[in-house]
Amino acid sequence: MGGQKEVASQEFDAQSDDVEAVIGADYHRQLLDEIELLDGASEEFDMDLVSQGKLSPAFFGSALTNFGVETFLQHFLTMTTSPLPRKTTTGVIDPFKEDFSAFVFKIQANMNKAHRDRIAFMRIASGKFEGGHGGKPRAGRQEGPPLPAPADDGPGP
């Protein structure tokens, strides 16, 4: 399955007849029914509650087919704050510094036993990540140094 190219979008009031003219009466009725279902199953959106971490917004879409991705990103940018400085053991990282830095907070491995897979999750603290600059990822296992041979103290007691 390939992703889709960006297409033109239009905004309508879901109740308007303009929607029905574009998608047809059956799909319009289904849309209104699904909106009613979502409204009944969720809290009213309140940006203050989102900012306090008491409410999490939900978005629907598919990155695979590129459905709803642009809408999500546009709303995500309006809901978030500017990056904050991060404290480290060596000082504070300014988020607007050009040098790339990040905290690796989880490394997941062996998700599929048939592969030597690893994925690292990181929180970018400053700069912009550009592949091919700086550190190099390593594939496969990293072997440690060889262990010293056991001492030969002669026969046991």
N, C-alpha and C. Protein backbone atom coordinates (compact mmCIF):
# COMPACT_ATOMS: atom_id res chain seq x y z
N MET A 1 0.84 -1.19 0.00
CA MET A 1 0.00 0.00 0.00
C MET A 1 0.88 1.24 0.00
N GLY A 2 0.70 2.07 -0.94
CA GLY A 2 1.46 3.31 -0.97
C GLY A 2 0.65 4.44 -0.36
N GLY A 3 1.35 5.41 0.18
CA GLY A 3 0.69 6.58 0.74
C GLY A 3 0.11 7.44 -0.37
N GLN A 4 -0.78 8.30 0.00
CA GLN A 4 -1.43 9.17 -0.97
C GLN A 4 -0.74 10.53 -0.98
N LYS A 5 -0.84 11.21 -2.08
CA LYS A 5 -0.35 12.57 -2.19
C LYS A 5 -1.32 13.49 -1.48
N GLU A 6 -0.83 14.66 -1.12
CA GLU A 6 -1.70 15.65 -0.47
C GLU A 6 -2.75 16.11 -1.48
N VAL A 7 -3.97 16.17 -1.03
CA VAL A 7 -5.06 16.60 -1.90
C VAL A 7 -5.70 17.85 -1.32
N ALA A 8 -6.45 18.52 -2.14
CA ALA A 8 -7.15 19.73 -1.68
C ALA A 8 -8.19 19.34 -0.64
N SER A 9 -8.39 20.19 0.34
CA SER A 9 -9.40 19.91 1.36
C SER A 9 -10.37 21.08 1.44
N GLN A 10 -11.54 20.77 1.93
CA GLN A 10 -12.57 21.78 2.12
C GLN A 10 -13.15 21.62 3.51
N GLU A 11 -13.53 22.72 4.12
CA GLU A 11 -14.18 22.66 5.42
C GLU A 11 -15.64 23.04 5.26
N PHE A 12 -16.49 22.25 5.93
CA PHE A 12 -17.94 22.48 5.87
C PHE A 12 -18.50 22.39 7.28
N ASP A 13 -19.62 23.01 7.50
CA ASP A 13 -20.41 22.75 8.69
C ASP A 13 -21.08 21.40 8.43
N ALA A 14 -20.89 20.45 9.33
CA ALA A 14 -21.40 19.09 9.11
C ALA A 14 -22.91 19.07 8.89
N GLN A 15 -23.62 20.04 9.43
CA GLN A 15 -25.08 20.08 9.29
C GLN A 15 -25.54 20.68 7.96
N SER A 16 -24.62 21.31 7.23
CA SER A 16 -25.05 22.05 6.04
C SER A 16 -25.39 21.13 4.86
N ASP A 17 -26.22 21.66 3.97
CA ASP A 17 -26.60 20.93 2.76
C ASP A 17 -25.42 20.83 1.79
N ASP A 18 -24.41 21.70 1.96
CA ASP A 18 -23.24 21.65 1.09
C ASP A 18 -22.52 20.31 1.21
N VAL A 19 -22.49 19.76 2.42
CA VAL A 19 -21.83 18.47 2.64
C VAL A 19 -22.57 17.40 1.87
N GLU A 20 -23.87 17.40 1.97
CA GLU A 20 -24.68 16.40 1.28
C GLU A 20 -24.49 16.48 -0.24
N ALA A 21 -24.33 17.68 -0.76
CA ALA A 21 -24.12 17.85 -2.20
C ALA A 21 -22.78 17.25 -2.64
N VAL A 22 -21.81 17.22 -1.74
CA VAL A 22 -20.49 16.69 -2.09
C VAL A 22 -20.40 15.19 -1.87
N ILE A 23 -20.93 14.68 -0.74
CA ILE A 23 -20.73 13.26 -0.41
C ILE A 23 -21.99 12.41 -0.58
N GLY A 24 -23.12 13.02 -0.81
CA GLY A 24 -24.36 12.27 -1.00
C GLY A 24 -25.12 12.11 0.30
N ALA A 25 -26.41 11.83 0.18
CA ALA A 25 -27.31 11.78 1.34
C ALA A 25 -26.96 10.63 2.30
N ASP A 26 -26.63 9.45 1.76
CA ASP A 26 -26.33 8.30 2.63
C ASP A 26 -25.08 8.54 3.48
N TYR A 27 -24.01 9.01 2.84
CA TYR A 27 -22.78 9.28 3.59
C TYR A 27 -22.96 10.44 4.56
N HIS A 28 -23.76 11.42 4.19
CA HIS A 28 -24.02 12.55 5.08
C HIS A 28 -24.74 12.08 6.35
N ARG A 29 -25.73 11.22 6.18
CA ARG A 29 -26.46 10.66 7.34
C ARG A 29 -25.50 9.85 8.21
N GLN A 30 -24.65 9.03 7.58
CA GLN A 30 -23.66 8.23 8.33
C GLN A 30 -22.70 9.15 9.09
N LEU A 31 -22.26 10.21 8.44
CA LEU A 31 -21.36 11.18 9.09
C LEU A 31 -22.01 11.78 10.33
N LEU A 32 -23.24 12.22 10.21
CA LEU A 32 -23.94 12.82 11.34
C LEU A 32 -24.14 11.81 12.47
N ASP A 33 -24.46 10.56 12.13
CA ASP A 33 -24.62 9.52 13.14
C ASP A 33 -23.30 9.25 13.88
N GLU A 34 -22.20 9.22 13.15
CA GLU A 34 -20.90 8.95 13.77
C GLU A 34 -20.43 10.13 14.63
N ILE A 35 -20.73 11.34 14.20
CA ILE A 35 -20.41 12.52 15.02
C ILE A 35 -21.20 12.47 16.33
N GLU A 36 -22.47 12.10 16.24
CA GLU A 36 -23.31 11.98 17.44
C GLU A 36 -22.75 10.91 18.39
N LEU A 37 -22.30 9.81 17.84
CA LEU A 37 -21.70 8.74 18.65
C LEU A 37 -20.44 9.24 19.35
N LEU A 38 -19.57 9.94 18.63
CA LEU A 38 -18.34 10.47 19.23
C LEU A 38 -18.65 11.52 20.30
N ASP A 39 -19.61 12.38 20.02
CA ASP A 39 -19.98 13.40 21.01
C ASP A 39 -20.47 12.77 22.30
N GLY A 40 -21.21 11.67 22.19
CA GLY A 40 -21.72 10.99 23.38
C GLY A 40 -20.65 10.22 24.15
N ALA A 41 -19.58 9.85 23.47
CA ALA A 41 -18.54 9.03 24.10
C ALA A 41 -17.35 9.84 24.60
N SER A 42 -17.38 11.14 24.44
CA SER A 42 -16.21 11.93 24.82
C SER A 42 -16.60 13.18 25.58
N GLU A 43 -15.61 13.74 26.22
CA GLU A 43 -15.79 15.02 26.93
C GLU A 43 -15.77 16.16 25.92
N GLU A 44 -16.37 17.26 26.29
CA GLU A 44 -16.31 18.46 25.47
C GLU A 44 -14.85 18.94 25.44
N PHE A 45 -14.36 19.34 24.28
CA PHE A 45 -12.97 19.79 24.16
C PHE A 45 -12.76 21.07 24.94
N ASP A 46 -11.73 21.08 25.78
CA ASP A 46 -11.39 22.24 26.60
C ASP A 46 -9.87 22.39 26.59
N MET A 47 -9.36 23.40 25.89
CA MET A 47 -7.92 23.58 25.75
C MET A 47 -7.24 23.79 27.10
N ASP A 48 -7.91 24.42 28.05
CA ASP A 48 -7.32 24.60 29.38
C ASP A 48 -7.07 23.25 30.05
N LEU A 49 -8.01 22.33 29.92
CA LEU A 49 -7.83 20.99 30.49
C LEU A 49 -6.72 20.22 29.77
N VAL A 50 -6.60 20.43 28.45
CA VAL A 50 -5.51 19.80 27.70
C VAL A 50 -4.17 20.34 28.22
N SER A 51 -4.07 21.65 28.41
CA SER A 51 -2.83 22.27 28.88
C SER A 51 -2.44 21.78 30.27
N GLN A 52 -3.44 21.46 31.09
CA GLN A 52 -3.18 20.97 32.45
C GLN A 52 -2.91 19.47 32.48
N GLY A 53 -3.04 18.81 31.35
CA GLY A 53 -2.82 17.37 31.29
C GLY A 53 -4.00 16.57 31.83
N LYS A 54 -5.18 17.19 31.93
CA LYS A 54 -6.36 16.50 32.46
C LYS A 54 -7.28 15.97 31.35
N LEU A 55 -7.00 16.36 30.11
CA LEU A 55 -7.79 15.91 28.97
C LEU A 55 -6.85 15.68 27.81
N SER A 56 -7.01 14.56 27.14
CA SER A 56 -6.18 14.25 25.96
C SER A 56 -7.05 14.29 24.72
N PRO A 57 -6.67 15.11 23.74
CA PRO A 57 -7.45 15.14 22.51
C PRO A 57 -7.25 13.85 21.72
N ALA A 58 -8.24 13.47 20.94
CA ALA A 58 -8.16 12.28 20.09
C ALA A 58 -8.30 12.71 18.64
N PHE A 59 -7.45 12.17 17.80
CA PHE A 59 -7.50 12.44 16.37
C PHE A 59 -7.69 11.11 15.66
N PHE A 60 -8.34 11.14 14.52
CA PHE A 60 -8.55 9.93 13.74
C PHE A 60 -7.88 10.12 12.39
N GLY A 61 -7.16 9.10 11.95
CA GLY A 61 -6.49 9.18 10.67
C GLY A 61 -5.66 7.94 10.42
N SER A 62 -4.90 7.99 9.36
CA SER A 62 -4.04 6.88 8.98
C SER A 62 -2.78 7.42 8.32
N ALA A 63 -1.63 7.15 8.93
CA ALA A 63 -0.38 7.55 8.31
C ALA A 63 -0.12 6.72 7.06
N LEU A 64 -0.60 5.50 7.05
CA LEU A 64 -0.39 4.61 5.91
C LEU A 64 -1.01 5.17 4.63
N THR A 65 -2.20 5.73 4.76
CA THR A 65 -2.88 6.29 3.59
C THR A 65 -2.84 7.82 3.57
N ASN A 66 -2.14 8.41 4.53
CA ASN A 66 -2.01 9.86 4.64
C ASN A 66 -3.35 10.55 4.84
N PHE A 67 -4.25 9.88 5.54
CA PHE A 67 -5.56 10.45 5.84
C PHE A 67 -5.53 11.09 7.22
N GLY A 68 -5.76 12.38 7.30
CA GLY A 68 -5.83 13.08 8.56
C GLY A 68 -4.49 13.50 9.14
N VAL A 69 -3.39 13.19 8.48
CA VAL A 69 -2.06 13.50 9.02
C VAL A 69 -1.83 15.00 9.07
N GLU A 70 -2.10 15.69 7.98
CA GLU A 70 -1.88 17.13 7.93
C GLU A 70 -2.76 17.85 8.95
N THR A 71 -4.01 17.43 9.07
CA THR A 71 -4.92 18.03 10.06
C THR A 71 -4.38 17.83 11.47
N PHE A 72 -3.92 16.61 11.77
CA PHE A 72 -3.34 16.33 13.08
C PHE A 72 -2.14 17.25 13.34
N LEU A 73 -1.23 17.34 12.40
CA LEU A 73 -0.02 18.15 12.61
C LEU A 73 -0.37 19.63 12.82
N GLN A 74 -1.30 20.15 12.05
CA GLN A 74 -1.71 21.55 12.20
C GLN A 74 -2.28 21.80 13.60
N HIS A 75 -3.15 20.91 14.06
CA HIS A 75 -3.75 21.09 15.38
C HIS A 75 -2.73 20.84 16.49
N PHE A 76 -1.86 19.87 16.30
CA PHE A 76 -0.82 19.58 17.29
C PHE A 76 0.05 20.81 17.54
N LEU A 77 0.42 21.50 16.47
CA LEU A 77 1.27 22.69 16.63
C LEU A 77 0.56 23.81 17.39
N THR A 78 -0.75 23.93 17.23
CA THR A 78 -1.47 24.98 17.96
C THR A 78 -1.69 24.60 19.43
N MET A 79 -1.66 23.29 19.74
CA MET A 79 -1.93 22.84 21.11
C MET A 79 -0.69 22.76 21.98
N THR A 80 0.47 22.74 21.38
CA THR A 80 1.69 22.55 22.16
C THR A 80 2.34 23.87 22.50
N THR A 81 3.19 23.80 23.50
CA THR A 81 3.96 24.98 23.90
C THR A 81 5.33 24.94 23.23
N SER A 82 6.05 26.01 23.32
CA SER A 82 7.43 26.03 22.82
C SER A 82 8.25 25.05 23.63
N PRO A 83 9.33 24.53 23.05
CA PRO A 83 10.18 23.60 23.80
C PRO A 83 10.76 24.26 25.04
N LEU A 84 10.92 23.47 26.08
CA LEU A 84 11.46 23.97 27.35
C LEU A 84 12.90 23.52 27.51
N PRO A 85 13.70 24.28 28.27
CA PRO A 85 15.06 23.84 28.56
C PRO A 85 15.03 22.52 29.34
N ARG A 86 16.03 21.68 29.14
CA ARG A 86 16.13 20.39 29.82
C ARG A 86 17.36 20.36 30.69
N LYS A 87 17.17 19.93 31.94
CA LYS A 87 18.29 19.81 32.87
C LYS A 87 19.02 18.49 32.62
N THR A 88 20.34 18.55 32.67
CA THR A 88 21.16 17.35 32.55
C THR A 88 22.16 17.33 33.70
N THR A 89 22.94 16.29 33.77
CA THR A 89 23.97 16.22 34.83
C THR A 89 25.09 17.21 34.58
N THR A 90 25.19 17.72 33.35
CA THR A 90 26.26 18.68 33.03
C THR A 90 25.75 20.10 32.82
N GLY A 91 24.47 20.35 33.08
CA GLY A 91 23.93 21.69 32.91
C GLY A 91 22.57 21.66 32.23
N VAL A 92 22.17 22.81 31.72
CA VAL A 92 20.86 22.95 31.09
C VAL A 92 21.05 23.05 29.58
N ILE A 93 20.21 22.34 28.83
CA ILE A 93 20.26 22.38 27.37
C ILE A 93 19.23 23.39 26.88
N ASP A 94 19.71 24.38 26.15
CA ASP A 94 18.83 25.37 25.54
C ASP A 94 18.16 24.73 24.32
N PRO A 95 16.82 24.67 24.28
CA PRO A 95 16.14 24.00 23.17
C PRO A 95 16.32 24.69 21.83
N PHE A 96 16.76 25.94 21.84
CA PHE A 96 16.92 26.68 20.59
C PHE A 96 18.36 26.67 20.09
N LYS A 97 19.21 25.94 20.78
CA LYS A 97 20.60 25.77 20.35
C LYS A 97 20.60 24.95 19.05
N GLU A 98 21.49 25.28 18.12
CA GLU A 98 21.50 24.59 16.82
C GLU A 98 22.05 23.18 16.89
N ASP A 99 22.96 22.90 17.83
CA ASP A 99 23.54 21.56 17.94
C ASP A 99 22.46 20.56 18.34
N PHE A 100 22.46 19.40 17.68
CA PHE A 100 21.48 18.37 17.97
C PHE A 100 21.84 17.66 19.27
N SER A 101 20.85 17.49 20.13
CA SER A 101 21.01 16.67 21.34
C SER A 101 19.67 16.04 21.65
N ALA A 102 19.72 14.87 22.27
CA ALA A 102 18.49 14.15 22.60
C ALA A 102 18.73 13.22 23.77
N PHE A 103 17.66 12.88 24.46
CA PHE A 103 17.69 11.89 25.53
C PHE A 103 17.10 10.60 24.99
N VAL A 104 17.85 9.52 25.05
CA VAL A 104 17.31 8.21 24.69
C VAL A 104 16.65 7.69 25.95
N PHE A 105 15.34 7.45 25.89
CA PHE A 105 14.64 7.05 27.10
C PHE A 105 14.13 5.62 27.06
N LYS A 106 14.26 4.95 25.93
CA LYS A 106 13.84 3.56 25.87
C LYS A 106 14.50 2.90 24.67
N ILE A 107 14.97 1.71 24.88
CA ILE A 107 15.47 0.91 23.78
C ILE A 107 14.70 -0.39 23.81
N GLN A 108 14.03 -0.68 22.71
CA GLN A 108 13.23 -1.89 22.60
C GLN A 108 13.94 -2.83 21.65
N ALA A 109 14.06 -4.09 22.04
CA ALA A 109 14.75 -5.05 21.18
C ALA A 109 13.96 -6.35 21.13
N ASN A 110 14.28 -7.15 20.14
CA ASN A 110 13.72 -8.48 19.98
C ASN A 110 12.20 -8.50 19.90
N MET A 111 11.64 -7.57 19.16
CA MET A 111 10.19 -7.55 18.98
C MET A 111 9.76 -8.69 18.06
N ASN A 112 10.66 -9.09 17.18
CA ASN A 112 10.40 -10.21 16.29
C ASN A 112 11.61 -11.12 16.38
N LYS A 113 11.42 -12.30 16.91
CA LYS A 113 12.53 -13.22 17.16
C LYS A 113 13.26 -13.63 15.87
N ALA A 114 12.61 -13.48 14.72
CA ALA A 114 13.24 -13.84 13.46
C ALA A 114 14.22 -12.78 12.97
N HIS A 115 14.25 -11.63 13.63
CA HIS A 115 15.12 -10.52 13.21
C HIS A 115 15.91 -10.00 14.40
N ARG A 116 17.01 -9.40 14.13
CA ARG A 116 17.76 -8.70 15.18
C ARG A 116 17.32 -7.24 15.15
N ASP A 117 16.15 -6.99 15.64
CA ASP A 117 15.60 -5.64 15.56
C ASP A 117 15.81 -4.87 16.86
N ARG A 118 16.01 -3.60 16.71
CA ARG A 118 16.14 -2.69 17.84
C ARG A 118 15.56 -1.35 17.42
N ILE A 119 14.93 -0.70 18.36
CA ILE A 119 14.43 0.64 18.10
C ILE A 119 14.70 1.47 19.34
N ALA A 120 15.15 2.68 19.13
CA ALA A 120 15.42 3.58 20.24
C ALA A 120 14.44 4.74 20.17
N PHE A 121 13.88 5.07 21.31
CA PHE A 121 12.99 6.22 21.41
C PHE A 121 13.77 7.34 22.06
N MET A 122 13.64 8.52 21.50
CA MET A 122 14.38 9.65 22.08
C MET A 122 13.53 10.90 22.08
N ARG A 123 13.85 11.76 23.02
CA ARG A 123 13.23 13.08 23.09
C ARG A 123 14.28 14.08 22.66
N ILE A 124 14.00 14.78 21.58
CA ILE A 124 14.95 15.77 21.09
C ILE A 124 14.96 16.95 22.05
N ALA A 125 16.16 17.34 22.47
CA ALA A 125 16.31 18.44 23.42
C ALA A 125 16.71 19.74 22.72
N SER A 126 17.44 19.62 21.61
CA SER A 126 17.84 20.82 20.86
C SER A 126 18.24 20.42 19.45
N GLY A 127 18.25 21.41 18.57
CA GLY A 127 18.71 21.20 17.22
C GLY A 127 17.73 20.46 16.35
N LYS A 128 18.25 19.98 15.23
CA LYS A 128 17.44 19.28 14.25
C LYS A 128 18.18 17.99 13.88
N PHE A 129 17.46 16.88 13.89
CA PHE A 129 18.07 15.60 13.53
C PHE A 129 18.23 15.52 12.02
N GLU A 130 19.42 15.19 11.59
CA GLU A 130 19.68 14.97 10.18
C GLU A 130 20.46 13.67 10.06
N GLY A 131 19.90 12.72 9.37
CA GLY A 131 20.57 11.43 9.20
C GLY A 131 21.91 11.60 8.50
N GLY A 132 22.86 10.76 8.89
CA GLY A 132 24.17 10.80 8.26
C GLY A 132 25.14 11.77 8.90
N HIS A 133 24.72 12.47 9.94
CA HIS A 133 25.61 13.39 10.64
C HIS A 133 25.87 12.87 12.04
N GLY A 134 27.11 12.87 12.43
CA GLY A 134 27.44 12.47 13.81
C GLY A 134 27.49 10.98 13.98
N GLY A 135 26.86 10.46 15.03
CA GLY A 135 26.94 9.05 15.39
C GLY A 135 26.41 8.13 14.32
N LYS A 136 26.92 6.92 14.34
CA LYS A 136 26.49 5.92 13.37
C LYS A 136 25.76 4.81 14.09
N PRO A 137 24.60 4.40 13.59
CA PRO A 137 23.92 3.27 14.20
C PRO A 137 24.71 1.99 13.92
N ARG A 138 24.63 1.04 14.84
CA ARG A 138 25.31 -0.24 14.65
C ARG A 138 24.28 -1.32 14.50
N ALA A 139 24.53 -2.22 13.58
CA ALA A 139 23.61 -3.35 13.37
C ALA A 139 24.19 -4.58 14.02
N GLY A 140 23.34 -5.48 14.42
CA GLY A 140 23.81 -6.73 15.01
C GLY A 140 24.20 -6.55 16.46
N ARG A 141 24.75 -7.61 17.02
CA ARG A 141 25.14 -7.57 18.42
C ARG A 141 26.51 -6.96 18.58
N GLN A 142 26.66 -6.24 19.66
CA GLN A 142 27.98 -5.73 19.99
C GLN A 142 28.57 -6.67 21.03
N GLU A 143 29.66 -7.29 20.68
CA GLU A 143 30.29 -8.23 21.60
C GLU A 143 31.19 -7.47 22.55
N GLY A 144 31.17 -7.88 23.80
CA GLY A 144 32.04 -7.26 24.80
C GLY A 144 33.45 -7.81 24.69
N PRO A 145 34.37 -7.27 25.49
CA PRO A 145 35.74 -7.78 25.45
C PRO A 145 35.77 -9.22 25.93
N PRO A 146 36.75 -10.01 25.47
CA PRO A 146 36.82 -11.41 25.91
C PRO A 146 37.09 -11.46 27.40
N LEU A 147 36.52 -12.48 28.04
CA LEU A 147 36.73 -12.66 29.48
C LEU A 147 38.12 -13.25 29.71
N PRO A 148 38.76 -12.88 30.83
CA PRO A 148 40.07 -13.46 31.10
C PRO A 148 39.93 -14.95 31.38
N ALA A 149 40.98 -15.69 31.06
CA ALA A 149 40.97 -17.14 31.31
C ALA A 149 40.98 -17.37 32.80
N PRO A 150 40.31 -18.42 33.27
CA PRO A 150 40.32 -18.68 34.71
C PRO A 150 41.75 -19.03 35.18
N ALA A 151 42.01 -18.62 36.39
CA ALA A 151 43.35 -18.90 36.95
C ALA A 151 43.51 -20.38 37.20
N ASP A 152 44.73 -20.90 36.97
CA ASP A 152 45.01 -22.31 37.24
C ASP A 152 45.80 -22.40 38.54
N ASP A 153 45.09 -22.68 39.61
CA ASP A 153 45.74 -22.75 40.92
C ASP A 153 46.10 -24.18 41.29
N GLY A 154 46.12 -25.04 40.31
CA GLY A 154 46.47 -26.42 40.59
C GLY A 154 45.23 -27.21 40.97
N PRO A 155 45.44 -28.44 41.39
CA PRO A 155 44.29 -29.27 41.76
C PRO A 155 43.57 -28.72 42.99
N GLY A 156 42.29 -28.98 43.06
CA GLY A 156 41.48 -28.51 44.17
C GLY A 156 41.80 -29.25 45.45
N PRO A 157 41.18 -28.88 46.57
CA PRO A 157 41.48 -29.50 47.88
C PRO A 157 41.18 -30.95 47.99
